[in-house]
Amino acid sequence: MAEELRSTVIRLLGAVAPEADLATISGSVDLRDQLDIDSIDLLNLIVSVHRELGVDIPERDYGNLVTLDGMCAYLAAKLAGKG
């Protein structure tokens, strides 16, 4: 499940930042810094994740979603019913 979730997030990142080299993304570094995306792009990613996975993400939780690892952990918890 974790790898499938990570693959989904990376695929959605590719739609938000098509010029990015997705193979080099570090899980622990802020996506905005790595991919040179702005807050609107990050919001577009969050909306895409919501649509794709059906996970409600309240604005207060956006800070948990700025890294790939953080986003995947957050989504895994939500999908498991723990969030």
PDB file of N, CA and C in Angstrom:
ATOM      1  N   MET A   1       0.822  -1.205   0.000  1.00  0.00           N
ATOM      2  CA  MET A   1       0.000   0.000   0.000  1.00  0.00           C
ATOM      3  C   MET A   1       0.860   1.260   0.000  1.00  0.00           C
ATOM      4  N   ALA A   2       1.933   1.271   0.802  1.00  0.00           N
ATOM      5  CA  ALA A   2       2.775   2.472   0.910  1.00  0.00           C
ATOM      6  C   ALA A   2       3.424   2.817  -0.425  1.00  0.00           C
ATOM      7  N   GLU A   3       3.946   1.819  -1.134  1.00  0.00           N
ATOM      8  CA  GLU A   3       4.588   2.082  -2.429  1.00  0.00           C
ATOM      9  C   GLU A   3       3.569   2.540  -3.461  1.00  0.00           C
ATOM     10  N   GLU A   4       2.393   1.950  -3.407  1.00  0.00           N
ATOM     11  CA  GLU A   4       1.326   2.338  -4.329  1.00  0.00           C
ATOM     12  C   GLU A   4       0.903   3.791  -4.074  1.00  0.00           C
ATOM     13  N   LEU A   5       0.796   4.147  -2.811  1.00  0.00           N
ATOM     14  CA  LEU A   5       0.446   5.510  -2.423  1.00  0.00           C
ATOM     15  C   LEU A   5       1.524   6.489  -2.880  1.00  0.00           C
ATOM     16  N   ARG A   6       2.773   6.133  -2.643  1.00  0.00           N
ATOM     17  CA  ARG A   6       3.893   6.982  -3.057  1.00  0.00           C
ATOM     18  C   ARG A   6       3.902   7.164  -4.579  1.00  0.00           C
ATOM     19  N   SER A   7       3.664   6.097  -5.298  1.00  0.00           N
ATOM     20  CA  SER A   7       3.626   6.173  -6.769  1.00  0.00           C
ATOM     21  C   SER A   7       2.506   7.092  -7.247  1.00  0.00           C
ATOM     22  N   THR A   8       1.371   7.027  -6.578  1.00  0.00           N
ATOM     23  CA  THR A   8       0.239   7.884  -6.933  1.00  0.00           C
ATOM     24  C   THR A   8       0.592   9.351  -6.711  1.00  0.00           C
ATOM     25  N   VAL A   9       1.178   9.648  -5.559  1.00  0.00           N
ATOM     26  CA  VAL A   9       1.551  11.035  -5.262  1.00  0.00           C
ATOM     27  C   VAL A   9       2.584  11.536  -6.268  1.00  0.00           C
ATOM     28  N   ILE A  10       3.562  10.721  -6.602  1.00  0.00           N
ATOM     29  CA  ILE A  10       4.583  11.123  -7.575  1.00  0.00           C
ATOM     30  C   ILE A  10       3.955  11.348  -8.950  1.00  0.00           C
ATOM     31  N   ARG A  11       3.029  10.496  -9.337  1.00  0.00           N
ATOM     32  CA  ARG A  11       2.345  10.678 -10.621  1.00  0.00           C
ATOM     33  C   ARG A  11       1.587  12.006 -10.636  1.00  0.00           C
ATOM     34  N   LEU A  12       0.900  12.308  -9.541  1.00  0.00           N
ATOM     35  CA  LEU A  12       0.162  13.571  -9.454  1.00  0.00           C
ATOM     36  C   LEU A  12       1.106  14.768  -9.420  1.00  0.00           C
ATOM     37  N   LEU A  13       2.260  14.596  -8.797  1.00  0.00           N
ATOM     38  CA  LEU A  13       3.284  15.649  -8.816  1.00  0.00           C
ATOM     39  C   LEU A  13       3.724  15.938 -10.240  1.00  0.00           C
ATOM     40  N   GLY A  14       3.824  14.906 -11.043  1.00  0.00           N
ATOM     41  CA  GLY A  14       4.222  15.068 -12.436  1.00  0.00           C
ATOM     42  C   GLY A  14       3.259  15.936 -13.219  1.00  0.00           C
ATOM     43  N   ALA A  15       1.988  15.889 -12.861  1.00  0.00           N
ATOM     44  CA  ALA A  15       0.999  16.732 -13.527  1.00  0.00           C
ATOM     45  C   ALA A  15       1.129  18.188 -13.091  1.00  0.00           C
ATOM     46  N   VAL A  16       1.531  18.405 -11.828  1.00  0.00           N
ATOM     47  CA  VAL A  16       1.682  19.759 -11.295  1.00  0.00           C
ATOM     48  C   VAL A  16       3.006  20.383 -11.740  1.00  0.00           C
ATOM     49  N   ALA A  17       4.044  19.553 -11.803  1.00  0.00           N
ATOM     50  CA  ALA A  17       5.391  20.032 -12.176  1.00  0.00           C
ATOM     51  C   ALA A  17       5.950  19.132 -13.275  1.00  0.00           C
ATOM     52  N   PRO A  18       5.429  19.257 -14.499  1.00  0.00           N
ATOM     53  CA  PRO A  18       5.815  18.347 -15.578  1.00  0.00           C
ATOM     54  C   PRO A  18       7.294  18.412 -15.954  1.00  0.00           C
ATOM     55  N   GLU A  19       7.954  19.521 -15.645  1.00  0.00           N
ATOM     56  CA  GLU A  19       9.367  19.664 -15.999  1.00  0.00           C
ATOM     57  C   GLU A  19      10.291  19.049 -14.948  1.00  0.00           C
ATOM     58  N   ALA A  20       9.750  18.618 -13.828  1.00  0.00           N
ATOM     59  CA  ALA A  20      10.562  18.107 -12.717  1.00  0.00           C
ATOM     60  C   ALA A  20      11.069  16.696 -12.998  1.00  0.00           C
ATOM     61  N   ASP A  21      12.261  16.406 -12.494  1.00  0.00           N
ATOM     62  CA  ASP A  21      12.816  15.057 -12.563  1.00  0.00           C
ATOM     63  C   ASP A  21      12.306  14.307 -11.336  1.00  0.00           C
ATOM     64  N   LEU A  22      11.235  13.588 -11.500  1.00  0.00           N
ATOM     65  CA  LEU A  22      10.562  12.937 -10.380  1.00  0.00           C
ATOM     66  C   LEU A  22      11.391  11.808  -9.768  1.00  0.00           C
ATOM     67  N   ALA A  23      12.334  11.292 -10.502  1.00  0.00           N
ATOM     68  CA  ALA A  23      13.179  10.201  -9.987  1.00  0.00           C
ATOM     69  C   ALA A  23      14.147  10.692  -8.914  1.00  0.00           C
ATOM     70  N   THR A  24      14.362  11.987  -8.845  1.00  0.00           N
ATOM     71  CA  THR A  24      15.347  12.513  -7.895  1.00  0.00           C
ATOM     72  C   THR A  24      14.715  13.160  -6.664  1.00  0.00           C
ATOM     73  N   ILE A  25      13.404  13.015  -6.497  1.00  0.00           N
ATOM     74  CA  ILE A  25      12.738  13.652  -5.369  1.00  0.00           C
ATOM     75  C   ILE A  25      13.191  13.018  -4.061  1.00  0.00           C
ATOM     76  N   SER A  26      13.600  13.869  -3.141  1.00  0.00           N
ATOM     77  CA  SER A  26      13.943  13.429  -1.789  1.00  0.00           C
ATOM     78  C   SER A  26      12.678  13.459  -0.952  1.00  0.00           C
ATOM     79  N   GLY A  27      12.467  12.422  -0.187  1.00  0.00           N
ATOM     80  CA  GLY A  27      11.257  12.331   0.614  1.00  0.00           C
ATOM     81  C   GLY A  27      11.172  13.323   1.744  1.00  0.00           C
ATOM     82  N   SER A  28      12.317  13.837   2.198  1.00  0.00           N
ATOM     83  CA  SER A  28      12.327  14.669   3.397  1.00  0.00           C
ATOM     84  C   SER A  28      12.525  16.163   3.136  1.00  0.00           C
ATOM     85  N   VAL A  29      12.621  16.554   1.870  1.00  0.00           N
ATOM     86  CA  VAL A  29      12.855  17.960   1.526  1.00  0.00           C
ATOM     87  C   VAL A  29      11.552  18.576   1.008  1.00  0.00           C
ATOM     88  N   ASP A  30      11.314  19.815   1.391  1.00  0.00           N
ATOM     89  CA  ASP A  30      10.113  20.533   0.978  1.00  0.00           C
ATOM     90  C   ASP A  30       9.951  20.460  -0.542  1.00  0.00           C
ATOM     91  N   LEU A  31       8.803  20.006  -0.985  1.00  0.00           N
ATOM     92  CA  LEU A  31       8.535  19.849  -2.417  1.00  0.00           C
ATOM     93  C   LEU A  31       8.622  21.174  -3.159  1.00  0.00           C
ATOM     94  N   ARG A  32       8.228  22.255  -2.503  1.00  0.00           N
ATOM     95  CA  ARG A  32       8.282  23.573  -3.151  1.00  0.00           C
ATOM     96  C   ARG A  32       9.719  23.946  -3.499  1.00  0.00           C
ATOM     97  N   ASP A  33      10.646  23.619  -2.615  1.00  0.00           N
ATOM     98  CA  ASP A  33      12.056  23.926  -2.858  1.00  0.00           C
ATOM     99  C   ASP A  33      12.658  22.998  -3.912  1.00  0.00           C
ATOM    100  N   GLN A  34      12.349  21.717  -3.818  1.00  0.00           N
ATOM    101  CA  GLN A  34      12.914  20.737  -4.748  1.00  0.00           C
ATOM    102  C   GLN A  34      12.447  20.930  -6.179  1.00  0.00           C
ATOM    103  N   LEU A  35      11.171  21.216  -6.324  1.00  0.00           N
ATOM    104  CA  LEU A  35      10.562  21.254  -7.655  1.00  0.00           C
ATOM    105  C   LEU A  35      10.342  22.660  -8.172  1.00  0.00           C
ATOM    106  N   ASP A  36      10.748  23.656  -7.376  1.00  0.00           N
ATOM    107  CA  ASP A  36      10.556  25.049  -7.743  1.00  0.00           C
ATOM    108  C   ASP A  36       9.090  25.323  -8.086  1.00  0.00           C
ATOM    109  N   ILE A  37       8.210  24.861  -7.185  1.00  0.00           N
ATOM    110  CA  ILE A  37       6.792  25.132  -7.344  1.00  0.00           C
ATOM    111  C   ILE A  37       6.367  26.127  -6.265  1.00  0.00           C
ATOM    112  N   ASP A  38       5.268  26.800  -6.508  1.00  0.00           N
ATOM    113  CA  ASP A  38       4.792  27.773  -5.524  1.00  0.00           C
ATOM    114  C   ASP A  38       3.644  27.187  -4.714  1.00  0.00           C
ATOM    115  N   SER A  39       3.104  27.983  -3.831  1.00  0.00           N
ATOM    116  CA  SER A  39       2.034  27.522  -2.943  1.00  0.00           C
ATOM    117  C   SER A  39       0.775  27.127  -3.721  1.00  0.00           C
ATOM    118  N   ILE A  40       0.517  27.803  -4.816  1.00  0.00           N
ATOM    119  CA  ILE A  40      -0.649  27.459  -5.644  1.00  0.00           C
ATOM    120  C   ILE A  40      -0.459  26.079  -6.265  1.00  0.00           C
ATOM    121  N   ASP A  41       0.759  25.791  -6.729  1.00  0.00           N
ATOM    122  CA  ASP A  41       1.036  24.465  -7.274  1.00  0.00           C
ATOM    123  C   ASP A  41       0.853  23.391  -6.198  1.00  0.00           C
ATOM    124  N   LEU A  42       1.322  23.683  -4.986  1.00  0.00           N
ATOM    125  CA  LEU A  42       1.159  22.727  -3.894  1.00  0.00           C
ATOM    126  C   LEU A  42      -0.325  22.527  -3.597  1.00  0.00           C
ATOM    127  N   LEU A  43      -1.085  23.593  -3.616  1.00  0.00           N
ATOM    128  CA  LEU A  43      -2.529  23.481  -3.409  1.00  0.00           C
ATOM    129  C   LEU A  43      -3.168  22.654  -4.522  1.00  0.00           C
ATOM    130  N   ASN A  44      -2.734  22.850  -5.749  1.00  0.00           N
ATOM    131  CA  ASN A  44      -3.246  22.044  -6.868  1.00  0.00           C
ATOM    132  C   ASN A  44      -2.932  20.563  -6.659  1.00  0.00           C
ATOM    133  N   LEU A  45      -1.755  20.273  -6.122  1.00  0.00           N
ATOM    134  CA  LEU A  45      -1.395  18.890  -5.820  1.00  0.00           C
ATOM    135  C   LEU A  45      -2.333  18.330  -4.754  1.00  0.00           C
ATOM    136  N   ILE A  46      -2.578  19.090  -3.716  1.00  0.00           N
ATOM    137  CA  ILE A  46      -3.458  18.642  -2.631  1.00  0.00           C
ATOM    138  C   ILE A  46      -4.867  18.378  -3.166  1.00  0.00           C
ATOM    139  N   VAL A  47      -5.358  19.253  -4.021  1.00  0.00           N
ATOM    140  CA  VAL A  47      -6.681  19.057  -4.630  1.00  0.00           C
ATOM    141  C   VAL A  47      -6.678  17.793  -5.491  1.00  0.00           C
ATOM    142  N   SER A  48      -5.610  17.573  -6.239  1.00  0.00           N
ATOM    143  CA  SER A  48      -5.508  16.376  -7.073  1.00  0.00           C
ATOM    144  C   SER A  48      -5.503  15.104  -6.225  1.00  0.00           C
ATOM    145  N   VAL A  49      -4.773  15.151  -5.124  1.00  0.00           N
ATOM    146  CA  VAL A  49      -4.725  14.008  -4.211  1.00  0.00           C
ATOM    147  C   VAL A  49      -6.118  13.743  -3.647  1.00  0.00           C
ATOM    148  N   HIS A  50      -6.803  14.797  -3.258  1.00  0.00           N
ATOM    149  CA  HIS A  50      -8.168  14.656  -2.739  1.00  0.00           C
ATOM    150  C   HIS A  50      -9.073  13.983  -3.772  1.00  0.00           C
ATOM    151  N   ARG A  51      -9.004  14.449  -4.993  1.00  0.00           N
ATOM    152  CA  ARG A  51      -9.850  13.887  -6.056  1.00  0.00           C
ATOM    153  C   ARG A  51      -9.502  12.438  -6.353  1.00  0.00           C
ATOM    154  N   GLU A  52      -8.225  12.152  -6.419  1.00  0.00           N
ATOM    155  CA  GLU A  52      -7.768  10.807  -6.771  1.00  0.00           C
ATOM    156  C   GLU A  52      -8.056   9.785  -5.672  1.00  0.00           C
ATOM    157  N   LEU A  53      -7.795  10.173  -4.426  1.00  0.00           N
ATOM    158  CA  LEU A  53      -7.881   9.219  -3.317  1.00  0.00           C
ATOM    159  C   LEU A  53      -9.130   9.381  -2.460  1.00  0.00           C
ATOM    160  N   GLY A  54      -9.852  10.468  -2.647  1.00  0.00           N
ATOM    161  CA  GLY A  54     -11.054  10.686  -1.858  1.00  0.00           C
ATOM    162  C   GLY A  54     -10.778  11.019  -0.404  1.00  0.00           C
ATOM    163  N   VAL A  55      -9.592  11.551  -0.129  1.00  0.00           N
ATOM    164  CA  VAL A  55      -9.207  11.903   1.237  1.00  0.00           C
ATOM    165  C   VAL A  55      -9.485  13.382   1.467  1.00  0.00           C
ATOM    166  N   ASP A  56     -10.279  13.661   2.492  1.00  0.00           N
ATOM    167  CA  ASP A  56     -10.515  15.058   2.863  1.00  0.00           C
ATOM    168  C   ASP A  56      -9.291  15.578   3.605  1.00  0.00           C
ATOM    169  N   ILE A  57      -8.779  16.719   3.157  1.00  0.00           N
ATOM    170  CA  ILE A  57      -7.583  17.310   3.750  1.00  0.00           C
ATOM    171  C   ILE A  57      -7.921  18.727   4.181  1.00  0.00           C
ATOM    172  N   PRO A  58      -8.155  18.921   5.479  1.00  0.00           N
ATOM    173  CA  PRO A  58      -8.462  20.272   5.950  1.00  0.00           C
ATOM    174  C   PRO A  58      -7.245  21.191   5.840  1.00  0.00           C
ATOM    175  N   GLU A  59      -7.504  22.457   5.634  1.00  0.00           N
ATOM    176  CA  GLU A  59      -6.422  23.430   5.452  1.00  0.00           C
ATOM    177  C   GLU A  59      -5.431  23.418   6.616  1.00  0.00           C
ATOM    178  N   ARG A  60      -5.910  23.172   7.827  1.00  0.00           N
ATOM    179  CA  ARG A  60      -5.017  23.152   8.994  1.00  0.00           C
ATOM    180  C   ARG A  60      -3.950  22.058   8.896  1.00  0.00           C
ATOM    181  N   ASP A  61      -4.163  21.062   8.020  1.00  0.00           N
ATOM    182  CA  ASP A  61      -3.217  19.954   7.875  1.00  0.00           C
ATOM    183  C   ASP A  61      -2.220  20.143   6.730  1.00  0.00           C
ATOM    184  N   TYR A  62      -2.331  21.215   5.983  1.00  0.00           N
ATOM    185  CA  TYR A  62      -1.471  21.417   4.819  1.00  0.00           C
ATOM    186  C   TYR A  62       0.009  21.379   5.181  1.00  0.00           C
ATOM    187  N   GLY A  63       0.363  21.807   6.370  1.00  0.00           N
ATOM    188  CA  GLY A  63       1.754  21.781   6.795  1.00  0.00           C
ATOM    189  C   GLY A  63       2.338  20.375   6.861  1.00  0.00           C
ATOM    190  N   ASN A  64       1.488  19.372   6.975  1.00  0.00           N
ATOM    191  CA  ASN A  64       1.939  17.972   6.994  1.00  0.00           C
ATOM    192  C   ASN A  64       2.249  17.450   5.595  1.00  0.00           C
ATOM    193  N   LEU A  65       1.932  18.237   4.588  1.00  0.00           N
ATOM    194  CA  LEU A  65       1.981  17.751   3.208  1.00  0.00           C
ATOM    195  C   LEU A  65       3.075  18.389   2.371  1.00  0.00           C
ATOM    196  N   VAL A  66       4.026  19.045   2.983  1.00  0.00           N
ATOM    197  CA  VAL A  66       5.029  19.782   2.209  1.00  0.00           C
ATOM    198  C   VAL A  66       6.194  18.913   1.743  1.00  0.00           C
ATOM    199  N   THR A  67       6.356  17.722   2.325  1.00  0.00           N
ATOM    200  CA  THR A  67       7.382  16.799   1.841  1.00  0.00           C
ATOM    201  C   THR A  67       6.692  15.544   1.311  1.00  0.00           C
ATOM    202  N   LEU A  68       7.369  14.812   0.480  1.00  0.00           N
ATOM    203  CA  LEU A  68       6.801  13.575  -0.059  1.00  0.00           C
ATOM    204  C   LEU A  68       6.549  12.569   1.064  1.00  0.00           C
ATOM    205  N   ASP A  69       7.518  12.415   1.965  1.00  0.00           N
ATOM    206  CA  ASP A  69       7.343  11.479   3.074  1.00  0.00           C
ATOM    207  C   ASP A  69       6.189  11.900   3.975  1.00  0.00           C
ATOM    208  N   GLY A  70       6.119  13.193   4.275  1.00  0.00           N
ATOM    209  CA  GLY A  70       5.052  13.698   5.125  1.00  0.00           C
ATOM    210  C   GLY A  70       3.686  13.492   4.496  1.00  0.00           C
ATOM    211  N   MET A  71       3.600  13.770   3.211  1.00  0.00           N
ATOM    212  CA  MET A  71       2.337  13.605   2.509  1.00  0.00           C
ATOM    213  C   MET A  71       1.907  12.139   2.496  1.00  0.00           C
ATOM    214  N   CYS A  72       2.843  11.262   2.209  1.00  0.00           N
ATOM    215  CA  CYS A  72       2.518   9.832   2.149  1.00  0.00           C
ATOM    216  C   CYS A  72       2.109   9.299   3.525  1.00  0.00           C
ATOM    217  N   ALA A  73       2.810   9.712   4.580  1.00  0.00           N
ATOM    218  CA  ALA A  73       2.466   9.274   5.933  1.00  0.00           C
ATOM    219  C   ALA A  73       1.079   9.790   6.324  1.00  0.00           C
ATOM    220  N   TYR A  74       0.817  11.046   6.025  1.00  0.00           N
ATOM    221  CA  TYR A  74      -0.483  11.650   6.331  1.00  0.00           C
ATOM    222  C   TYR A  74      -1.602  10.902   5.601  1.00  0.00           C
ATOM    223  N   LEU A  75      -1.406  10.677   4.307  1.00  0.00           N
ATOM    224  CA  LEU A  75      -2.427  10.007   3.516  1.00  0.00           C
ATOM    225  C   LEU A  75      -2.629   8.562   3.959  1.00  0.00           C
ATOM    226  N   ALA A  76      -1.554   7.867   4.295  1.00  0.00           N
ATOM    227  CA  ALA A  76      -1.664   6.488   4.767  1.00  0.00           C
ATOM    228  C   ALA A  76      -2.491   6.431   6.049  1.00  0.00           C
ATOM    229  N   ALA A  77      -2.249   7.368   6.959  1.00  0.00           N
ATOM    230  CA  ALA A  77      -3.006   7.413   8.209  1.00  0.00           C
ATOM    231  C   ALA A  77      -4.485   7.713   7.926  1.00  0.00           C
ATOM    232  N   LYS A  78      -4.739   8.655   7.041  1.00  0.00           N
ATOM    233  CA  LYS A  78      -6.117   8.996   6.706  1.00  0.00           C
ATOM    234  C   LYS A  78      -6.841   7.813   6.065  1.00  0.00           C
ATOM    235  N   LEU A  79      -6.166   7.142   5.133  1.00  0.00           N
ATOM    236  CA  LEU A  79      -6.774   6.016   4.455  1.00  0.00           C
ATOM    237  C   LEU A  79      -6.990   4.827   5.382  1.00  0.00           C
ATOM    238  N   ALA A  80      -6.172   4.734   6.415  1.00  0.00           N
ATOM    239  CA  ALA A  80      -6.328   3.658   7.396  1.00  0.00           C
ATOM    240  C   ALA A  80      -7.366   4.013   8.455  1.00  0.00           C
ATOM    241  N   GLY A  81      -7.914   5.233   8.372  1.00  0.00           N
ATOM    242  CA  GLY A  81      -8.941   5.652   9.293  1.00  0.00           C
ATOM    243  C   GLY A  81      -8.417   6.188  10.608  1.00  0.00           C
ATOM    244  N   LYS A  82      -7.141   6.540  10.628  1.00  0.00           N
ATOM    245  CA  LYS A  82      -6.532   7.025  11.864  1.00  0.00           C
ATOM    246  C   LYS A  82      -6.455   8.534  11.910  1.00  0.00           C
ATOM    247  N   GLY A  83      -6.761   9.207  10.820  1.00  0.00           N
ATOM    248  CA  GLY A  83      -6.541  10.647  10.783  1.00  0.00           C
ATOM    249  C   GLY A  83      -7.729  11.432  10.949  1.00  0.00           C
TER     250      GLY A  83
END
